[in-house]
Protein backbone atom coordinates (compact mmCIF):
# COMPACT_ATOMS: atom_id res chain seq x y z
CA UNK A 1 92.20 106.02 108.75
CA UNK A 2 90.43 102.97 107.27
CA UNK A 3 87.21 104.13 108.84
CA UNK A 4 87.77 107.66 107.51
CA UNK A 5 88.17 106.24 104.01
CA UNK A 6 85.18 104.05 104.12
CA UNK A 7 83.05 106.63 105.68
CA UNK A 8 84.10 109.01 102.81
CA UNK A 9 82.87 106.45 100.31
CA UNK A 10 79.59 106.22 102.02
CA UNK A 11 79.07 109.97 102.15
CA UNK A 12 77.51 111.90 99.09
CA UNK A 13 78.51 115.51 98.78
CA UNK A 14 76.08 118.11 97.35
CA UNK A 15 78.91 120.44 96.50
CA UNK A 16 80.41 117.54 94.56
CA UNK A 17 77.20 116.86 92.50
CA UNK A 18 75.94 114.10 94.81
CA UNK A 19 78.75 112.02 94.10
CA UNK A 20 80.76 110.02 97.00
CA UNK A 21 82.84 112.10 99.45
CA UNK A 22 85.76 110.18 98.24
CA UNK A 23 85.70 112.43 95.21
CA UNK A 24 85.61 115.37 97.26
CA UNK A 25 88.88 117.40 97.18
CA UNK A 26 88.62 118.72 100.81
CA UNK A 27 87.95 115.36 102.26
CA UNK A 28 90.64 113.81 100.22
CA UNK A 29 93.19 116.33 101.42
CA UNK A 30 92.11 115.83 104.97
CA UNK A 31 92.54 112.28 104.83
CA UNK A 32 96.03 112.55 103.07
CA UNK A 33 97.23 115.06 105.66
CA UNK A 34 96.25 112.71 108.42
CA UNK A 35 97.99 109.66 106.82
CA UNK A 36 101.15 111.83 106.23
CA UNK A 37 100.99 113.02 109.84
CA UNK A 38 100.54 109.76 111.36
CA UNK A 39 103.19 108.14 108.89
CA UNK A 40 105.88 110.78 110.24
CA UNK A 41 105.13 110.03 114.01
CA UNK A 42 105.50 106.10 113.66
CA UNK A 43 109.30 105.96 112.90
CA UNK A 44 110.11 108.14 115.86
CA UNK A 45 108.13 105.88 118.17
CA UNK A 46 109.48 102.83 116.83
CA UNK A 47 113.09 104.19 117.25
CA UNK A 48 112.49 105.12 120.80
CA UNK A 49 111.06 101.49 121.51
CA UNK A 50 114.07 100.18 119.74
CA UNK A 51 116.38 102.10 121.78
CA UNK A 52 114.57 101.07 125.15
CA UNK A 53 114.51 97.32 124.08
CA UNK A 54 118.36 97.50 123.18
CA UNK A 55 119.06 99.51 126.54
CA UNK A 56 120.81 102.36 124.55
CA UNK A 57 122.55 104.62 127.00
CA UNK A 58 121.23 108.12 126.26
CA UNK A 59 121.89 109.06 129.70
CA UNK A 60 120.22 112.60 130.80
CA UNK A 61 118.57 112.70 127.31
CA UNK A 62 115.93 109.93 128.10
CA UNK A 63 113.52 112.23 129.70
CA UNK A 64 113.53 114.40 126.83
CA UNK A 65 113.29 111.69 124.20
CA UNK A 66 110.35 109.92 126.04
CA UNK A 67 108.43 113.08 126.68
CA UNK A 68 108.92 114.15 123.21
CA UNK A 69 107.79 110.90 121.79
CA UNK A 70 104.82 110.99 124.17
CA UNK A 71 103.88 114.36 123.20
CA UNK A 72 104.23 113.91 119.40
CA UNK A 73 102.24 110.59 119.54
CA UNK A 74 99.40 112.15 121.67
CA UNK A 75 99.16 115.20 119.48
CA UNK A 76 99.34 113.09 116.38
CA UNK A 77 96.59 110.68 117.38
CA UNK A 78 94.33 113.70 118.35
CA UNK A 79 95.08 115.44 115.16
CA UNK A 80 94.48 112.34 113.04
CA UNK A 81 91.07 111.66 114.78
CA UNK A 82 90.04 115.29 114.29
CA UNK A 83 90.90 115.21 110.41
CA UNK A 84 89.23 111.89 110.10
CA UNK A 85 86.28 113.07 111.74
CA UNK A 86 86.05 116.29 109.70
CA UNK A 87 86.17 113.90 106.67
CA UNK A 88 83.34 111.88 107.95
CA UNK A 89 81.12 114.82 108.73
CA UNK A 90 77.95 114.37 110.96
CA UNK A 91 77.67 110.84 110.09
CA UNK A 92 80.95 109.98 112.14
């Protein structure tokens, strides 16, 4: 996310009057959406990691919990990178 924000500041937009991409509403929206998506996945991962560390007995639910966290994190990572890349444009 830091790289996406840095790139937005270094990118100029013709449709935005030549100003920095950081002032472009589309780029800002993409970056905010990526941050929100990332922020929503982190607590789920942290809670599952805590449950593993504390050896919480979820019984037969463990497979679903671990699979769900893996799918959520990989999808989130892919989506966040895609959104950040769209905000960076060809320069990325």
